């Protein structure tokens, strides 16, 4: 069972599932199963023999969350708790996707899974609440924190930059927020590796992002280079681009734990970017 089926990661899981002929997938969007409706979720679990629940659904409107607090917590925390509980009661494995925004962005060396959390915005607080609720309802949960997700599907930084670079002669991009981009197709592959590996993976929290640490400005410059755009890209500090929700300065996730657990070779961010953009150009 894959929730958030029409989102970036959900769509990448859908594409990857076409090569997993020995498994039956159920992809559900919000219209098909509102995960913030506990009764509907409980009934769904009762009616389907689910072995794994991959929760790709989330409230992801970071700035809107500052005013839509109840909605953010309903989907990112309360619904997650109920999904985890249903998995526990039905002997299903719960795999939940979380975010780098659970941290305060003060660690320039990179966050490991056990580092102290301290979200700066409502979105991050709601996602952290979801992590805590999931582990409480189902200690066997697997939580994967990721960062700066993009895909050929949905709305994301890469597609926005490509559109703007086609439309404008110049754009401004912040250069003082540092992190690790993540191609949703690579994240989907890791989730499937967990599901289909013979040895499995221990319950708990893991970090996954592509290799390499860059700024949003550097990310935009590489998008320009790969796409062959003529648009000028100018670096600006975060205060020059004010937004309702404060972002962490450093969103660097250390991926050593998941690399060791799954014997992974994580693709470099620029290699994955080229792969994604080849589908868009």
C-alpha atoms as a PDB file:
ATOM      1  CA  UNK A   1       0.000   0.000   0.000  1.00  0.00           C
ATOM      2  CA  UNK A   2       1.419   3.354  -1.071  1.00  0.00           C
ATOM      3  CA  UNK A   3      -0.270   6.514   0.183  1.00  0.00           C
ATOM      4  CA  UNK A   4       0.226   9.893  -1.469  1.00  0.00           C
ATOM      5  CA  UNK A   5       0.125   8.093  -4.799  1.00  0.00           C
ATOM      6  CA  UNK A   6      -0.023  11.262  -6.892  1.00  0.00           C
ATOM      7  CA  UNK A   7       2.883  13.020  -5.181  1.00  0.00           C
ATOM      8  CA  UNK A   8       6.504  13.014  -6.306  1.00  0.00           C
ATOM      9  CA  UNK A   9       7.599   9.956  -4.342  1.00  0.00           C
ATOM     10  CA  UNK A  10       4.285   8.176  -4.823  1.00  0.00           C
ATOM     11  CA  UNK A  11       4.578   8.529  -8.598  1.00  0.00           C
ATOM     12  CA  UNK A  12       8.189   7.329  -8.559  1.00  0.00           C
ATOM     13  CA  UNK A  13       7.064   4.282  -6.531  1.00  0.00           C
ATOM     14  CA  UNK A  14       4.342   3.704  -9.101  1.00  0.00           C
ATOM     15  CA  UNK A  15       6.916   3.716 -11.910  1.00  0.00           C
ATOM     16  CA  UNK A  16       9.224   1.377 -10.032  1.00  0.00           C
ATOM     17  CA  UNK A  17       6.394  -1.018  -9.163  1.00  0.00           C
ATOM     18  CA  UNK A  18       6.044  -1.879 -12.849  1.00  0.00           C
ATOM     19  CA  UNK A  19       9.264  -3.862 -12.503  1.00  0.00           C
ATOM     20  CA  UNK A  20       8.148  -5.674  -9.342  1.00  0.00           C
ATOM     21  CA  UNK A  21       5.912  -8.304 -10.923  1.00  0.00           C
ATOM     22  CA  UNK A  22       6.013 -10.581  -7.868  1.00  0.00           C
ATOM     23  CA  UNK A  23       4.155  -8.075  -5.663  1.00  0.00           C
ATOM     24  CA  UNK A  24       0.694  -6.525  -5.708  1.00  0.00           C
ATOM     25  CA  UNK A  25       0.616  -2.771  -5.130  1.00  0.00           C
ATOM     26  CA  UNK A  26      -2.303  -0.622  -4.021  1.00  0.00           C
ATOM     27  CA  UNK A  27      -1.733   3.069  -4.738  1.00  0.00           C
ATOM     28  CA  UNK A  28      -4.083   5.442  -2.963  1.00  0.00           C
ATOM     29  CA  UNK A  29      -4.401   9.196  -3.374  1.00  0.00           C
ATOM     30  CA  UNK A  30      -6.193  11.483  -0.938  1.00  0.00           C
ATOM     31  CA  UNK A  31      -9.360  11.203  -3.028  1.00  0.00           C
ATOM     32  CA  UNK A  32      -9.270   7.414  -2.728  1.00  0.00           C
ATOM     33  CA  UNK A  33      -8.241   7.260   0.934  1.00  0.00           C
ATOM     34  CA  UNK A  34      -8.035  10.394   3.110  1.00  0.00           C
ATOM     35  CA  UNK A  35      -5.451   9.276   5.646  1.00  0.00           C
ATOM     36  CA  UNK A  36      -6.765  11.836   8.157  1.00  0.00           C
ATOM     37  CA  UNK A  37     -10.032   9.856   8.342  1.00  0.00           C
ATOM     38  CA  UNK A  38      -9.282   7.167  10.959  1.00  0.00           C
ATOM     39  CA  UNK A  39     -12.426   5.159  10.263  1.00  0.00           C
ATOM     40  CA  UNK A  40     -11.715   5.021   6.525  1.00  0.00           C
ATOM     41  CA  UNK A  41      -8.118   3.950   7.142  1.00  0.00           C
ATOM     42  CA  UNK A  42      -9.152   1.232   9.603  1.00  0.00           C
ATOM     43  CA  UNK A  43     -11.733  -0.105   7.146  1.00  0.00           C
ATOM     44  CA  UNK A  44      -9.189  -0.067   4.338  1.00  0.00           C
ATOM     45  CA  UNK A  45      -6.760  -2.157   6.359  1.00  0.00           C
ATOM     46  CA  UNK A  46      -9.561  -4.575   7.272  1.00  0.00           C
ATOM     47  CA  UNK A  47     -10.515  -5.034   3.630  1.00  0.00           C
ATOM     48  CA  UNK A  48      -7.006  -5.516   2.230  1.00  0.00           C
ATOM     49  CA  UNK A  49      -4.239  -7.909   3.192  1.00  0.00           C
ATOM     50  CA  UNK A  50      -1.503  -5.302   3.506  1.00  0.00           C
ATOM     51  CA  UNK A  51       2.065  -6.420   4.256  1.00  0.00           C
ATOM     52  CA  UNK A  52       3.729  -3.016   3.863  1.00  0.00           C
ATOM     53  CA  UNK A  53       2.406   0.515   4.132  1.00  0.00           C
ATOM     54  CA  UNK A  54       4.659   3.103   2.480  1.00  0.00           C
ATOM     55  CA  UNK A  55       3.425   6.483   3.634  1.00  0.00           C
ATOM     56  CA  UNK A  56       4.348   9.065   0.995  1.00  0.00           C
ATOM     57  CA  UNK A  57       1.372  11.272   1.894  1.00  0.00           C
ATOM     58  CA  UNK A  58       2.065  14.537   3.696  1.00  0.00           C
ATOM     59  CA  UNK A  59       1.064  18.150   4.101  1.00  0.00           C
ATOM     60  CA  UNK A  60       4.044  19.775   2.366  1.00  0.00           C
ATOM     61  CA  UNK A  61       3.025  23.430   1.916  1.00  0.00           C
ATOM     62  CA  UNK A  62       5.774  24.736   4.201  1.00  0.00           C
ATOM     63  CA  UNK A  63       4.741  28.403   4.159  1.00  0.00           C
ATOM     64  CA  UNK A  64       0.985  27.804   4.272  1.00  0.00           C
ATOM     65  CA  UNK A  65       1.496  25.540   7.279  1.00  0.00           C
ATOM     66  CA  UNK A  66       2.344  28.633   9.336  1.00  0.00           C
ATOM     67  CA  UNK A  67      -1.361  29.529   9.232  1.00  0.00           C
ATOM     68  CA  UNK A  68      -2.912  26.111   8.485  1.00  0.00           C
ATOM     69  CA  UNK A  69      -1.503  24.601  11.658  1.00  0.00           C
ATOM     70  CA  UNK A  70      -4.358  22.203  12.437  1.00  0.00           C
ATOM     71  CA  UNK A  71      -4.368  20.806   8.915  1.00  0.00           C
ATOM     72  CA  UNK A  72      -0.599  20.265   8.926  1.00  0.00           C
ATOM     73  CA  UNK A  73      -0.701  18.388  12.242  1.00  0.00           C
ATOM     74  CA  UNK A  74      -3.789  16.407  11.229  1.00  0.00           C
ATOM     75  CA  UNK A  75      -2.050  14.943   8.167  1.00  0.00           C
ATOM     76  CA  UNK A  76       1.591  14.917   9.293  1.00  0.00           C
ATOM     77  CA  UNK A  77       1.056  13.723  12.869  1.00  0.00           C
ATOM     78  CA  UNK A  78      -2.412  12.425  13.749  1.00  0.00           C
ATOM     79  CA  UNK A  79      -2.889  10.496  10.508  1.00  0.00           C
ATOM     80  CA  UNK A  80       0.627   9.062  10.759  1.00  0.00           C
ATOM     81  CA  UNK A  81      -0.104   7.782  14.267  1.00  0.00           C
ATOM     82  CA  UNK A  82      -3.227   5.985  13.049  1.00  0.00           C
ATOM     83  CA  UNK A  83      -1.467   4.463  10.023  1.00  0.00           C
ATOM     84  CA  UNK A  84       1.298   3.189  12.298  1.00  0.00           C
ATOM     85  CA  UNK A  85      -1.282   1.765  14.720  1.00  0.00           C
ATOM     86  CA  UNK A  86      -3.159  -0.003  11.909  1.00  0.00           C
ATOM     87  CA  UNK A  87       0.094  -1.519  10.672  1.00  0.00           C
ATOM     88  CA  UNK A  88       0.890  -2.743  14.185  1.00  0.00           C
ATOM     89  CA  UNK A  89      -2.560  -4.304  14.577  1.00  0.00           C
ATOM     90  CA  UNK A  90      -2.448  -5.938  11.140  1.00  0.00           C
ATOM     91  CA  UNK A  91       1.162  -7.154  11.301  1.00  0.00           C
ATOM     92  CA  UNK A  92       2.203  -4.874   8.442  1.00  0.00           C
ATOM     93  CA  UNK A  93       5.503  -3.011   8.132  1.00  0.00           C
ATOM     94  CA  UNK A  94       5.124   0.753   8.344  1.00  0.00           C
ATOM     95  CA  UNK A  95       7.583   2.820   6.267  1.00  0.00           C
ATOM     96  CA  UNK A  96       7.156   6.562   6.780  1.00  0.00           C
ATOM     97  CA  UNK A  97       8.870   9.442   4.980  1.00  0.00           C
ATOM     98  CA  UNK A  98       9.988  12.398   7.091  1.00  0.00           C
ATOM     99  CA  UNK A  99      12.149  15.464   6.574  1.00  0.00           C
ATOM    100  CA  UNK A 100      15.363  17.325   7.342  1.00  0.00           C
ATOM    101  CA  UNK A 101      13.164  20.141   8.668  1.00  0.00           C
ATOM    102  CA  UNK A 102      12.935  18.350  12.034  1.00  0.00           C
ATOM    103  CA  UNK A 103      16.363  19.932  12.718  1.00  0.00           C
ATOM    104  CA  UNK A 104      17.248  23.559  13.471  1.00  0.00           C
ATOM    105  CA  UNK A 105      19.877  23.860  10.727  1.00  0.00           C
ATOM    106  CA  UNK A 106      22.765  24.814  13.009  1.00  0.00           C
ATOM    107  CA  UNK A 107      24.905  21.715  12.329  1.00  0.00           C
ATOM    108  CA  UNK A 108      27.181  22.414   9.361  1.00  0.00           C
ATOM    109  CA  UNK A 109      28.866  18.990   9.568  1.00  0.00           C
ATOM    110  CA  UNK A 110      25.741  16.927   8.953  1.00  0.00           C
ATOM    111  CA  UNK A 111      23.013  15.445  11.127  1.00  0.00           C
ATOM    112  CA  UNK A 112      22.976  11.826  12.266  1.00  0.00           C
ATOM    113  CA  UNK A 113      19.741  10.116  13.243  1.00  0.00           C
ATOM    114  CA  UNK A 114      20.252  10.532  17.001  1.00  0.00           C
ATOM    115  CA  UNK A 115      21.044  14.251  16.940  1.00  0.00           C
ATOM    116  CA  UNK A 116      18.752  16.550  18.896  1.00  0.00           C
ATOM    117  CA  UNK A 117      15.806  17.818  16.877  1.00  0.00           C
ATOM    118  CA  UNK A 118      14.534  21.400  16.933  1.00  0.00           C
ATOM    119  CA  UNK A 119      12.287  22.354  14.022  1.00  0.00           C
ATOM    120  CA  UNK A 120      12.075  26.025  13.083  1.00  0.00           C
ATOM    121  CA  UNK A 121       8.638  26.038  11.458  1.00  0.00           C
ATOM    122  CA  UNK A 122       5.181  24.489  11.771  1.00  0.00           C
ATOM    123  CA  UNK A 123       5.807  22.022   8.954  1.00  0.00           C
ATOM    124  CA  UNK A 124       8.932  20.704  10.685  1.00  0.00           C
ATOM    125  CA  UNK A 125       7.132  20.550  14.039  1.00  0.00           C
ATOM    126  CA  UNK A 126       4.246  18.593  12.513  1.00  0.00           C
ATOM    127  CA  UNK A 127       6.613  16.126  10.827  1.00  0.00           C
ATOM    128  CA  UNK A 128       8.552  15.616  14.070  1.00  0.00           C
ATOM    129  CA  UNK A 129       5.273  15.019  15.900  1.00  0.00           C
ATOM    130  CA  UNK A 130       4.494  12.385  13.269  1.00  0.00           C
ATOM    131  CA  UNK A 131       7.808  10.617  13.850  1.00  0.00           C
ATOM    132  CA  UNK A 132       7.244  10.510  17.608  1.00  0.00           C
ATOM    133  CA  UNK A 133       3.637   9.360  17.223  1.00  0.00           C
ATOM    134  CA  UNK A 134       4.591   6.619  14.751  1.00  0.00           C
ATOM    135  CA  UNK A 135       7.277   5.135  16.998  1.00  0.00           C
ATOM    136  CA  UNK A 136       4.918   5.287  19.990  1.00  0.00           C
ATOM    137  CA  UNK A 137       2.049   3.585  18.147  1.00  0.00           C
ATOM    138  CA  UNK A 138       4.317   1.104  16.389  1.00  0.00           C
ATOM    139  CA  UNK A 139       7.902   0.626  17.651  1.00  0.00           C
ATOM    140  CA  UNK A 140       8.603  -1.464  14.535  1.00  0.00           C
ATOM    141  CA  UNK A 141       8.173   1.582  12.271  1.00  0.00           C
ATOM    142  CA  UNK A 142      10.841   2.522   9.734  1.00  0.00           C
ATOM    143  CA  UNK A 143      11.222   6.272   9.284  1.00  0.00           C
ATOM    144  CA  UNK A 144      13.290   7.774   6.473  1.00  0.00           C
ATOM    145  CA  UNK A 145      14.194  11.452   6.700  1.00  0.00           C
ATOM    146  CA  UNK A 146      15.073  13.061   3.403  1.00  0.00           C
ATOM    147  CA  UNK A 147      15.769  16.538   2.009  1.00  0.00           C
ATOM    148  CA  UNK A 148      15.276  18.811  -0.993  1.00  0.00           C
ATOM    149  CA  UNK A 149      13.177  16.285  -2.919  1.00  0.00           C
ATOM    150  CA  UNK A 150      12.588  16.714  -6.643  1.00  0.00           C
ATOM    151  CA  UNK A 151      11.276  14.552  -9.471  1.00  0.00           C
ATOM    152  CA  UNK A 152      10.042  14.648 -13.037  1.00  0.00           C
ATOM    153  CA  UNK A 153       6.594  14.442 -11.400  1.00  0.00           C
ATOM    154  CA  UNK A 154       4.786  17.104  -9.398  1.00  0.00           C
ATOM    155  CA  UNK A 155       5.960  20.561  -8.401  1.00  0.00           C
ATOM    156  CA  UNK A 156       9.511  21.057  -7.176  1.00  0.00           C
ATOM    157  CA  UNK A 157      12.589  23.277  -7.326  1.00  0.00           C
ATOM    158  CA  UNK A 158      14.045  21.712 -10.471  1.00  0.00           C
ATOM    159  CA  UNK A 159      10.884  22.125 -12.522  1.00  0.00           C
ATOM    160  CA  UNK A 160      10.316  25.645 -11.188  1.00  0.00           C
ATOM    161  CA  UNK A 161      13.864  26.684 -12.090  1.00  0.00           C
ATOM    162  CA  UNK A 162      13.544  25.216 -15.579  1.00  0.00           C
ATOM    163  CA  UNK A 163      10.298  27.109 -16.146  1.00  0.00           C
ATOM    164  CA  UNK A 164      11.698  30.397 -14.859  1.00  0.00           C
ATOM    165  CA  UNK A 165      14.898  30.027 -16.859  1.00  0.00           C
ATOM    166  CA  UNK A 166      12.818  29.674 -20.020  1.00  0.00           C
ATOM    167  CA  UNK A 167      10.665  32.704 -19.159  1.00  0.00           C
ATOM    168  CA  UNK A 168      13.148  35.207 -17.707  1.00  0.00           C
ATOM    169  CA  UNK A 169      16.473  36.789 -18.497  1.00  0.00           C
ATOM    170  CA  UNK A 170      17.653  36.551 -14.886  1.00  0.00           C
ATOM    171  CA  UNK A 171      16.631  35.024 -11.557  1.00  0.00           C
ATOM    172  CA  UNK A 172      17.779  35.336  -7.937  1.00  0.00           C
ATOM    173  CA  UNK A 173      18.433  32.240  -5.808  1.00  0.00           C
ATOM    174  CA  UNK A 174      19.462  32.067  -2.150  1.00  0.00           C
ATOM    175  CA  UNK A 175      23.049  30.981  -1.594  1.00  0.00           C
ATOM    176  CA  UNK A 176      23.204  30.658   2.206  1.00  0.00           C
ATOM    177  CA  UNK A 177      20.963  27.607   2.696  1.00  0.00           C
ATOM    178  CA  UNK A 178      23.039  24.442   2.358  1.00  0.00           C
ATOM    179  CA  UNK A 179      21.770  20.910   1.903  1.00  0.00           C
ATOM    180  CA  UNK A 180      21.603  17.697  -0.096  1.00  0.00           C
ATOM    181  CA  UNK A 181      19.181  17.365  -3.028  1.00  0.00           C
ATOM    182  CA  UNK A 182      17.301  14.077  -3.302  1.00  0.00           C
ATOM    183  CA  UNK A 183      15.964  12.611  -6.528  1.00  0.00           C
ATOM    184  CA  UNK A 184      12.668  10.952  -5.591  1.00  0.00           C
ATOM    185  CA  UNK A 185      13.426   8.053  -7.954  1.00  0.00           C
ATOM    186  CA  UNK A 186      16.539   7.249  -5.896  1.00  0.00           C
ATOM    187  CA  UNK A 187      14.520   7.437  -2.681  1.00  0.00           C
ATOM    188  CA  UNK A 188      11.861   5.144  -4.147  1.00  0.00           C
ATOM    189  CA  UNK A 189      14.574   2.641  -5.073  1.00  0.00           C
ATOM    190  CA  UNK A 190      15.801   2.618  -1.469  1.00  0.00           C
ATOM    191  CA  UNK A 191      12.274   2.092  -0.135  1.00  0.00           C
ATOM    192  CA  UNK A 192      11.825  -0.842  -2.515  1.00  0.00           C
ATOM    193  CA  UNK A 193      15.186  -2.231  -1.446  1.00  0.00           C
ATOM    194  CA  UNK A 194      13.916  -2.257   2.135  1.00  0.00           C
ATOM    195  CA  UNK A 195      10.697  -3.983   1.105  1.00  0.00           C
ATOM    196  CA  UNK A 196      12.262  -6.602  -1.140  1.00  0.00           C
ATOM    197  CA  UNK A 197      15.614  -7.281   0.552  1.00  0.00           C
ATOM    198  CA  UNK A 198      15.997 -10.736   2.075  1.00  0.00           C
ATOM    199  CA  UNK A 199      17.529  -9.446   5.289  1.00  0.00           C
ATOM    200  CA  UNK A 200      15.237  -6.443   5.700  1.00  0.00           C
ATOM    201  CA  UNK A 201      16.257  -3.534   7.876  1.00  0.00           C
ATOM    202  CA  UNK A 202      16.001  -2.854  11.600  1.00  0.00           C
ATOM    203  CA  UNK A 203      13.169  -0.591  12.766  1.00  0.00           C
ATOM    204  CA  UNK A 204      14.073   3.013  13.550  1.00  0.00           C
ATOM    205  CA  UNK A 205      15.048   6.280  11.900  1.00  0.00           C
ATOM    206  CA  UNK A 206      17.298   6.565   8.845  1.00  0.00           C
ATOM    207  CA  UNK A 207      18.556   9.437   6.691  1.00  0.00           C
ATOM    208  CA  UNK A 208      18.653   9.327   2.900  1.00  0.00           C
ATOM    209  CA  UNK A 209      19.732  11.985   0.409  1.00  0.00           C
ATOM    210  CA  UNK A 210      21.924  12.021  -2.656  1.00  0.00           C
ATOM    211  CA  UNK A 211      25.666  12.444  -2.198  1.00  0.00           C
ATOM    212  CA  UNK A 212      27.064  15.969  -2.196  1.00  0.00           C
ATOM    213  CA  UNK A 213      26.393  19.177  -0.290  1.00  0.00           C
ATOM    214  CA  UNK A 214      25.433  22.381  -2.110  1.00  0.00           C
ATOM    215  CA  UNK A 215      23.447  25.615  -1.837  1.00  0.00           C
ATOM    216  CA  UNK A 216      20.185  26.325  -3.640  1.00  0.00           C
ATOM    217  CA  UNK A 217      22.167  28.745  -5.810  1.00  0.00           C
ATOM    218  CA  UNK A 218      24.649  26.038  -6.820  1.00  0.00           C
ATOM    219  CA  UNK A 219      21.716  23.717  -7.509  1.00  0.00           C
ATOM    220  CA  UNK A 220      20.178  26.345  -9.810  1.00  0.00           C
ATOM    221  CA  UNK A 221      23.488  26.907 -11.606  1.00  0.00           C
ATOM    222  CA  UNK A 222      23.770  23.206 -12.400  1.00  0.00           C
ATOM    223  CA  UNK A 223      20.162  23.145 -13.641  1.00  0.00           C
ATOM    224  CA  UNK A 224      21.077  26.028 -15.929  1.00  0.00           C
ATOM    225  CA  UNK A 225      24.181  24.240 -17.191  1.00  0.00           C
ATOM    226  CA  UNK A 226      22.472  20.898 -17.822  1.00  0.00           C
ATOM    227  CA  UNK A 227      19.491  22.557 -19.500  1.00  0.00           C
ATOM    228  CA  UNK A 228      21.609  24.878 -21.613  1.00  0.00           C
ATOM    229  CA  UNK A 229      19.629  27.918 -20.477  1.00  0.00           C
ATOM    230  CA  UNK A 230      20.896  31.465 -21.080  1.00  0.00           C
ATOM    231  CA  UNK A 231      19.127  32.965 -18.057  1.00  0.00           C
ATOM    232  CA  UNK A 232      21.485  34.696 -15.591  1.00  0.00           C
ATOM    233  CA  UNK A 233      21.438  33.235 -12.054  1.00  0.00           C
ATOM    234  CA  UNK A 234      22.309  35.627  -9.216  1.00  0.00           C
ATOM    235  CA  UNK A 235      23.117  34.597  -5.613  1.00  0.00           C
ATOM    236  CA  UNK A 236      21.229  36.381  -2.834  1.00  0.00           C
ATOM    237  CA  UNK A 237      21.084  36.004   0.978  1.00  0.00           C
ATOM    238  CA  UNK A 238      17.967  34.508   2.564  1.00  0.00           C
ATOM    239  CA  UNK A 239      16.738  37.850   4.023  1.00  0.00           C
ATOM    240  CA  UNK A 240      16.478  39.164   0.458  1.00  0.00           C
ATOM    241  CA  UNK A 241      13.841  36.499  -0.263  1.00  0.00           C
ATOM    242  CA  UNK A 242      11.497  36.645   2.742  1.00  0.00           C
ATOM    243  CA  UNK A 243       9.046  33.771   3.273  1.00  0.00           C
ATOM    244  CA  UNK A 244       6.575  33.066   6.117  1.00  0.00           C
ATOM    245  CA  UNK A 245       8.346  29.905   7.324  1.00  0.00           C
ATOM    246  CA  UNK A 246      11.966  30.028   8.481  1.00  0.00           C
ATOM    247  CA  UNK A 247      14.224  27.513   6.728  1.00  0.00           C
ATOM    248  CA  UNK A 248      17.244  25.777   8.283  1.00  0.00           C
ATOM    249  CA  UNK A 249      20.636  27.149   7.218  1.00  0.00           C
ATOM    250  CA  UNK A 250      22.136  23.658   7.030  1.00  0.00           C
ATOM    251  CA  UNK A 251      20.050  20.660   5.949  1.00  0.00           C
ATOM    252  CA  UNK A 252      22.865  18.167   5.660  1.00  0.00           C
ATOM    253  CA  UNK A 253      21.759  14.616   6.431  1.00  0.00           C
ATOM    254  CA  UNK A 254      24.461  12.071   7.231  1.00  0.00           C
ATOM    255  CA  UNK A 255      23.555   8.870   5.373  1.00  0.00           C
ATOM    256  CA  UNK A 256      26.118   6.475   6.867  1.00  0.00           C
ATOM    257  CA  UNK A 257      23.515   4.466   8.799  1.00  0.00           C
ATOM    258  CA  UNK A 258      21.306   3.548   5.845  1.00  0.00           C
ATOM    259  CA  UNK A 259      24.343   3.036   3.611  1.00  0.00           C
ATOM    260  CA  UNK A 260      25.704   0.440   6.014  1.00  0.00           C
ATOM    261  CA  UNK A 261      22.334  -1.195   6.684  1.00  0.00           C
ATOM    262  CA  UNK A 262      21.534  -1.743   3.005  1.00  0.00           C
ATOM    263  CA  UNK A 263      25.069  -1.822   1.542  1.00  0.00           C
ATOM    264  CA  UNK A 264      24.088   1.174  -0.577  1.00  0.00           C
ATOM    265  CA  UNK A 265      26.050   3.114  -3.125  1.00  0.00           C
ATOM    266  CA  UNK A 266      24.191   6.422  -3.149  1.00  0.00           C
ATOM    267  CA  UNK A 267      24.261   8.349  -6.457  1.00  0.00           C
ATOM    268  CA  UNK A 268      25.847  11.800  -6.544  1.00  0.00           C
ATOM    269  CA  UNK A 269      23.391  14.677  -6.682  1.00  0.00           C
ATOM    270  CA  UNK A 270      24.549  15.993 -10.066  1.00  0.00           C
ATOM    271  CA  UNK A 271      24.333  12.549 -11.697  1.00  0.00           C
ATOM    272  CA  UNK A 272      20.767  12.144 -10.464  1.00  0.00           C
ATOM    273  CA  UNK A 273      19.871  15.662 -11.555  1.00  0.00           C
ATOM    274  CA  UNK A 274      20.999  14.906 -15.103  1.00  0.00           C
ATOM    275  CA  UNK A 275      18.954  11.708 -15.057  1.00  0.00           C
ATOM    276  CA  UNK A 276      15.841  13.584 -13.961  1.00  0.00           C
ATOM    277  CA  UNK A 277      16.297  16.468 -16.371  1.00  0.00           C
ATOM    278  CA  UNK A 278      16.754  14.063 -19.279  1.00  0.00           C
ATOM    279  CA  UNK A 279      13.087  13.182 -18.750  1.00  0.00           C
ATOM    280  CA  UNK A 280      12.048  16.847 -18.770  1.00  0.00           C
ATOM    281  CA  UNK A 281      14.092  18.384 -21.570  1.00  0.00           C
END
